[in-house]
Amino acid sequence: MIKLVDLLKEAEGETPKCPVATQNIEVNLAHRQIAIDKYGYGPLNPNNPNIKFWKAKAAQWKMATIDEAKSSRCNNCAAFNITSRILGCIEGGIASNEPGPKTEPAPEAPVAEVEEPVVPTAEPETDDTEGAEKDAWDTIEAGKLGYCTMHKFKCAGSRTCNAWIVGGPIRDKK
């Protein structure tokens, strides 16, 4: 919920804090689940055809075609915030949830050597992201992320919900 004091600070030029859901993944997931359950947020994977999902949206919105429904996405909703401040909040939240650099454990004190039999081990699992630079902006761009000011969560721009409003997104003032 937006507090009046935060709105007043913003009007006076003070920088408001980042929305909690941009910084706390548990809060974000809880708010997103509410949007899924109560407001039809979806589809799960916008890269798939999702015919059943879009047929239901077209029927709900009394539209003649699925293509009409598909034109109403979060990235063109009036509640979709992609201002530089909010994107900075999302970036900071993603970066703070990434694991930090791995450190080597401290060496243990020497112990008397005992000869043990050599047991063959399975090939260790490899991480295909090892050595890759993790960048929060890659995640933001891949998901076309913004912040839903109506449902208070990080929102994927290629999805939609029942509360879609014409006239968006919210951008920086020029």
C-alpha atoms as a PDB file:
ATOM      1  CA  MET A   1       0.000   0.000   0.000  1.00  0.00           C
ATOM      2  CA  ILE A   2       1.282   3.461  -0.867  1.00  0.00           C
ATOM      3  CA  LYS A   3       1.484   5.662   2.202  1.00  0.00           C
ATOM      4  CA  LEU A   4       0.455   9.307   2.065  1.00  0.00           C
ATOM      5  CA  VAL A   5       3.751  10.347   3.638  1.00  0.00           C
ATOM      6  CA  ASP A   6       5.658   8.697   0.746  1.00  0.00           C
ATOM      7  CA  LEU A   7       3.514  10.530  -1.805  1.00  0.00           C
ATOM      8  CA  LEU A   8       4.169  13.822  -0.016  1.00  0.00           C
ATOM      9  CA  LYS A   9       7.926  13.159   0.069  1.00  0.00           C
ATOM     10  CA  GLU A  10       7.875  12.389  -3.655  1.00  0.00           C
ATOM     11  CA  ALA A  11       5.948  15.592  -4.365  1.00  0.00           C
ATOM     12  CA  GLU A  12       8.492  17.576  -2.325  1.00  0.00           C
ATOM     13  CA  GLY A  13      11.348  16.096  -4.343  1.00  0.00           C
ATOM     14  CA  GLU A  14      12.585  13.656  -1.726  1.00  0.00           C
ATOM     15  CA  THR A  15      13.466  10.277  -3.161  1.00  0.00           C
ATOM     16  CA  PRO A  16      11.037   7.667  -1.869  1.00  0.00           C
ATOM     17  CA  LYS A  17      12.255   4.247  -0.827  1.00  0.00           C
ATOM     18  CA  CYS A  18      12.183   1.328  -3.222  1.00  0.00           C
ATOM     19  CA  PRO A  19       8.978  -0.715  -3.113  1.00  0.00           C
ATOM     20  CA  VAL A  20       9.420  -3.680  -0.765  1.00  0.00           C
ATOM     21  CA  ALA A  21       8.608  -6.229  -3.487  1.00  0.00           C
ATOM     22  CA  THR A  22      11.546  -4.987  -5.583  1.00  0.00           C
ATOM     23  CA  GLN A  23      13.912  -5.815  -2.717  1.00  0.00           C
ATOM     24  CA  ASN A  24      12.365  -8.878  -1.075  1.00  0.00           C
ATOM     25  CA  ILE A  25      11.725 -11.938  -3.250  1.00  0.00           C
ATOM     26  CA  GLU A  26       9.309 -13.519  -0.752  1.00  0.00           C
ATOM     27  CA  VAL A  27       7.104 -10.412  -0.733  1.00  0.00           C
ATOM     28  CA  ASN A  28       7.308 -10.195  -4.528  1.00  0.00           C
ATOM     29  CA  LEU A  29       6.300 -13.852  -4.961  1.00  0.00           C
ATOM     30  CA  ALA A  30       3.409 -13.477  -2.501  1.00  0.00           C
ATOM     31  CA  HIS A  31       2.072 -10.415  -4.334  1.00  0.00           C
ATOM     32  CA  ARG A  32       2.551 -12.089  -7.715  1.00  0.00           C
ATOM     33  CA  GLN A  33       0.624 -15.157  -6.515  1.00  0.00           C
ATOM     34  CA  ILE A  34      -2.262 -12.932  -5.459  1.00  0.00           C
ATOM     35  CA  ALA A  35      -2.222 -11.365  -8.947  1.00  0.00           C
ATOM     36  CA  ILE A  36      -2.316 -14.869 -10.481  1.00  0.00           C
ATOM     37  CA  ASP A  37      -5.082 -16.163  -8.198  1.00  0.00           C
ATOM     38  CA  LYS A  38      -7.350 -13.114  -8.038  1.00  0.00           C
ATOM     39  CA  TYR A  39      -6.582 -11.104 -11.166  1.00  0.00           C
ATOM     40  CA  GLY A  40      -5.660 -13.678 -13.829  1.00  0.00           C
ATOM     41  CA  TYR A  41      -2.014 -12.610 -14.192  1.00  0.00           C
ATOM     42  CA  GLY A  42      -0.349 -14.632 -16.920  1.00  0.00           C
ATOM     43  CA  PRO A  43       0.274 -16.510 -19.045  1.00  0.00           C
ATOM     44  CA  LEU A  44       3.009 -18.494 -17.322  1.00  0.00           C
ATOM     45  CA  ASN A  45       5.271 -18.553 -20.393  1.00  0.00           C
ATOM     46  CA  PRO A  46       4.382 -15.738 -22.800  1.00  0.00           C
ATOM     47  CA  ASN A  47       6.649 -17.327 -25.434  1.00  0.00           C
ATOM     48  CA  ASN A  48       4.155 -20.192 -25.850  1.00  0.00           C
ATOM     49  CA  PRO A  49       0.876 -19.800 -27.802  1.00  0.00           C
ATOM     50  CA  ASN A  50      -1.298 -20.103 -24.632  1.00  0.00           C
ATOM     51  CA  ILE A  51      -4.485 -20.301 -26.734  1.00  0.00           C
ATOM     52  CA  LYS A  52      -6.686 -21.334 -23.773  1.00  0.00           C
ATOM     53  CA  PHE A  53      -5.418 -18.400 -21.657  1.00  0.00           C
ATOM     54  CA  TRP A  54      -5.931 -15.812 -24.418  1.00  0.00           C
ATOM     55  CA  LYS A  55      -9.355 -17.207 -25.408  1.00  0.00           C
ATOM     56  CA  ALA A  56     -10.481 -16.759 -21.797  1.00  0.00           C
ATOM     57  CA  LYS A  57      -9.108 -13.175 -21.708  1.00  0.00           C
ATOM     58  CA  ALA A  58     -10.823 -12.323 -25.016  1.00  0.00           C
ATOM     59  CA  ALA A  59     -14.130 -13.713 -23.708  1.00  0.00           C
ATOM     60  CA  GLN A  60     -13.795 -11.907 -20.374  1.00  0.00           C
ATOM     61  CA  TRP A  61     -13.038  -8.593 -22.065  1.00  0.00           C
ATOM     62  CA  LYS A  62     -15.742  -9.224 -24.699  1.00  0.00           C
ATOM     63  CA  MET A  63     -13.247  -8.976 -27.543  1.00  0.00           C
ATOM     64  CA  ALA A  64     -13.820 -10.480 -30.964  1.00  0.00           C
ATOM     65  CA  THR A  65     -10.367 -12.069 -31.332  1.00  0.00           C
ATOM     66  CA  ILE A  66      -7.465 -13.453 -29.340  1.00  0.00           C
ATOM     67  CA  ASP A  67      -5.185 -10.971 -31.106  1.00  0.00           C
ATOM     68  CA  GLU A  68      -7.193  -8.100 -29.600  1.00  0.00           C
ATOM     69  CA  ALA A  69      -6.685  -9.549 -26.121  1.00  0.00           C
ATOM     70  CA  LYS A  70      -2.985 -10.091 -26.809  1.00  0.00           C
ATOM     71  CA  SER A  71      -2.590  -6.374 -27.515  1.00  0.00           C
ATOM     72  CA  SER A  72      -3.342  -5.594 -23.849  1.00  0.00           C
ATOM     73  CA  ARG A  73      -0.077  -6.450 -22.101  1.00  0.00           C
ATOM     74  CA  CYS A  74       1.574  -5.270 -18.929  1.00  0.00           C
ATOM     75  CA  ASN A  75       4.170  -3.358 -20.977  1.00  0.00           C
ATOM     76  CA  ASN A  76       1.419  -1.040 -22.261  1.00  0.00           C
ATOM     77  CA  CYS A  77      -0.635  -0.877 -19.051  1.00  0.00           C
ATOM     78  CA  ALA A  78      -0.994   2.411 -17.184  1.00  0.00           C
ATOM     79  CA  ALA A  79       0.064   0.672 -13.935  1.00  0.00           C
ATOM     80  CA  PHE A  80       3.364  -0.670 -15.376  1.00  0.00           C
ATOM     81  CA  ASN A  81       6.217   1.453 -13.975  1.00  0.00           C
ATOM     82  CA  ILE A  82       9.489   1.447 -15.921  1.00  0.00           C
ATOM     83  CA  THR A  83      10.959   4.695 -14.632  1.00  0.00           C
ATOM     84  CA  SER A  84      14.713   4.735 -14.129  1.00  0.00           C
ATOM     85  CA  ARG A  85      14.181   4.918 -10.350  1.00  0.00           C
ATOM     86  CA  ILE A  86      12.015   1.787 -10.278  1.00  0.00           C
ATOM     87  CA  LEU A  87      14.298  -0.114 -12.667  1.00  0.00           C
ATOM     88  CA  GLY A  88      17.189   0.826 -10.375  1.00  0.00           C
ATOM     89  CA  CYS A  89      15.224  -0.601  -7.455  1.00  0.00           C
ATOM     90  CA  ILE A  90      14.577  -3.818  -9.376  1.00  0.00           C
ATOM     91  CA  GLU A  91      18.255  -4.042 -10.343  1.00  0.00           C
ATOM     92  CA  GLY A  92      19.373  -3.555  -6.741  1.00  0.00           C
ATOM     93  CA  GLY A  93      16.910  -6.160  -5.487  1.00  0.00           C
ATOM     94  CA  ILE A  94      17.999  -8.748  -8.039  1.00  0.00           C
ATOM     95  CA  ALA A  95      21.675  -8.061  -7.382  1.00  0.00           C
ATOM     96  CA  SER A  96      21.199  -8.386  -3.613  1.00  0.00           C
ATOM     97  CA  ASN A  97      19.555 -11.799  -4.071  1.00  0.00           C
ATOM     98  CA  GLU A  98      22.424 -13.169  -6.173  1.00  0.00           C
ATOM     99  CA  PRO A  99      24.956 -15.269  -4.328  1.00  0.00           C
ATOM    100  CA  GLY A 100      28.172 -13.463  -3.582  1.00  0.00           C
ATOM    101  CA  PRO A 101      31.683 -14.576  -4.494  1.00  0.00           C
ATOM    102  CA  LYS A 102      32.649 -17.966  -3.190  1.00  0.00           C
ATOM    103  CA  THR A 103      35.366 -18.020  -0.567  1.00  0.00           C
ATOM    104  CA  GLU A 104      37.722 -20.858   0.237  1.00  0.00           C
ATOM    105  CA  PRO A 105      37.274 -22.415   3.674  1.00  0.00           C
ATOM    106  CA  ALA A 106      39.989 -21.745   6.223  1.00  0.00           C
ATOM    107  CA  PRO A 107      42.650 -24.457   6.308  1.00  0.00           C
ATOM    108  CA  GLU A 108      42.224 -26.965   9.092  1.00  0.00           C
ATOM    109  CA  ALA A 109      44.922 -27.788  11.593  1.00  0.00           C
ATOM    110  CA  PRO A 110      47.183 -30.656  10.471  1.00  0.00           C
ATOM    111  CA  VAL A 111      46.037 -34.105  11.551  1.00  0.00           C
ATOM    112  CA  ALA A 112      48.045 -37.310  11.675  1.00  0.00           C
ATOM    113  CA  GLU A 113      47.876 -38.930   8.253  1.00  0.00           C
ATOM    114  CA  VAL A 114      45.966 -42.179   7.970  1.00  0.00           C
ATOM    115  CA  GLU A 115      46.110 -44.118   4.760  1.00  0.00           C
ATOM    116  CA  GLU A 116      42.612 -44.738   3.419  1.00  0.00           C
ATOM    117  CA  PRO A 117      41.619 -46.719   0.352  1.00  0.00           C
ATOM    118  CA  VAL A 118      40.968 -44.692  -2.801  1.00  0.00           C
ATOM    119  CA  VAL A 119      37.310 -44.879  -3.779  1.00  0.00           C
ATOM    120  CA  PRO A 120      36.411 -43.848  -7.330  1.00  0.00           C
ATOM    121  CA  THR A 121      33.934 -40.985  -7.415  1.00  0.00           C
ATOM    122  CA  ALA A 122      31.355 -40.007  -9.993  1.00  0.00           C
ATOM    123  CA  GLU A 123      32.052 -37.159 -12.373  1.00  0.00           C
ATOM    124  CA  PRO A 124      31.226 -33.921 -10.517  1.00  0.00           C
ATOM    125  CA  GLU A 125      28.235 -31.955 -11.761  1.00  0.00           C
ATOM    126  CA  THR A 126      29.145 -28.880 -13.714  1.00  0.00           C
ATOM    127  CA  ASP A 127      27.401 -25.547 -13.584  1.00  0.00           C
ATOM    128  CA  ASP A 128      26.879 -24.258 -17.123  1.00  0.00           C
ATOM    129  CA  THR A 129      26.810 -20.683 -15.815  1.00  0.00           C
ATOM    130  CA  GLU A 130      30.241 -20.991 -14.196  1.00  0.00           C
ATOM    131  CA  GLY A 131      32.409 -18.119 -15.281  1.00  0.00           C
ATOM    132  CA  ALA A 132      29.459 -16.221 -16.751  1.00  0.00           C
ATOM    133  CA  GLU A 133      29.050 -12.669 -15.548  1.00  0.00           C
ATOM    134  CA  LYS A 134      25.806 -12.287 -13.654  1.00  0.00           C
ATOM    135  CA  ASP A 135      24.082  -9.080 -14.462  1.00  0.00           C
ATOM    136  CA  ALA A 136      20.733  -7.995 -13.033  1.00  0.00           C
ATOM    137  CA  TRP A 137      20.052  -6.008 -16.209  1.00  0.00           C
ATOM    138  CA  ASP A 138      20.149  -9.251 -18.219  1.00  0.00           C
ATOM    139  CA  THR A 139      17.261 -10.495 -16.067  1.00  0.00           C
ATOM    140  CA  ILE A 140      15.363  -7.204 -16.343  1.00  0.00           C
ATOM    141  CA  GLU A 141      15.706  -7.147 -20.122  1.00  0.00           C
ATOM    142  CA  ALA A 142      14.946 -10.856 -20.605  1.00  0.00           C
ATOM    143  CA  GLY A 143      11.727 -10.576 -18.596  1.00  0.00           C
ATOM    144  CA  LYS A 144      10.894  -7.073 -19.832  1.00  0.00           C
ATOM    145  CA  LEU A 145      10.455  -6.327 -16.141  1.00  0.00           C
ATOM    146  CA  GLY A 146       8.730  -3.356 -14.622  1.00  0.00           C
ATOM    147  CA  TYR A 147       6.816  -2.768 -11.411  1.00  0.00           C
ATOM    148  CA  CYS A 148       3.046  -3.155 -11.203  1.00  0.00           C
ATOM    149  CA  THR A 149       1.881  -0.209  -9.127  1.00  0.00           C
ATOM    150  CA  MET A 150      -1.564  -1.759  -8.797  1.00  0.00           C
ATOM    151  CA  HIS A 151      -0.606  -5.211  -7.500  1.00  0.00           C
ATOM    152  CA  LYS A 152       2.789  -4.278  -5.980  1.00  0.00           C
ATOM    153  CA  PHE A 153       5.180  -6.772  -7.591  1.00  0.00           C
ATOM    154  CA  LYS A 154       7.856  -7.041 -10.280  1.00  0.00           C
ATOM    155  CA  CYS A 155       5.891  -7.682 -13.432  1.00  0.00           C
ATOM    156  CA  ALA A 156       6.870  -9.215 -16.780  1.00  0.00           C
ATOM    157  CA  GLY A 157       5.894  -6.847 -19.568  1.00  0.00           C
ATOM    158  CA  SER A 158       4.723  -9.577 -21.942  1.00  0.00           C
ATOM    159  CA  ARG A 159       2.033 -10.815 -19.550  1.00  0.00           C
ATOM    160  CA  THR A 160      -1.340  -9.279 -18.659  1.00  0.00           C
ATOM    161  CA  CYS A 161      -4.016  -9.360 -15.962  1.00  0.00           C
ATOM    162  CA  ASN A 162      -7.719  -8.655 -15.583  1.00  0.00           C
ATOM    163  CA  ALA A 163      -6.981  -5.166 -14.223  1.00  0.00           C
ATOM    164  CA  TRP A 164      -5.149  -3.973 -17.377  1.00  0.00           C
ATOM    165  CA  ILE A 165      -5.558  -0.210 -17.974  1.00  0.00           C
ATOM    166  CA  VAL A 166      -4.986   1.566 -21.278  1.00  0.00           C
ATOM    167  CA  GLY A 167      -2.385   4.326 -21.438  1.00  0.00           C
ATOM    168  CA  GLY A 168       0.888   2.962 -20.167  1.00  0.00           C
ATOM    169  CA  PRO A 169       3.582   2.422 -19.275  1.00  0.00           C
ATOM    170  CA  ILE A 170       4.767   4.880 -16.626  1.00  0.00           C
ATOM    171  CA  ARG A 171       8.059   6.363 -17.840  1.00  0.00           C
ATOM    172  CA  ASP A 172      10.477   9.069 -16.718  1.00  0.00           C
ATOM    173  CA  LYS A 173       9.267  12.597 -17.410  1.00  0.00           C
ATOM    174  CA  LYS A 174      11.166  14.236 -20.224  1.00  0.00           C
END
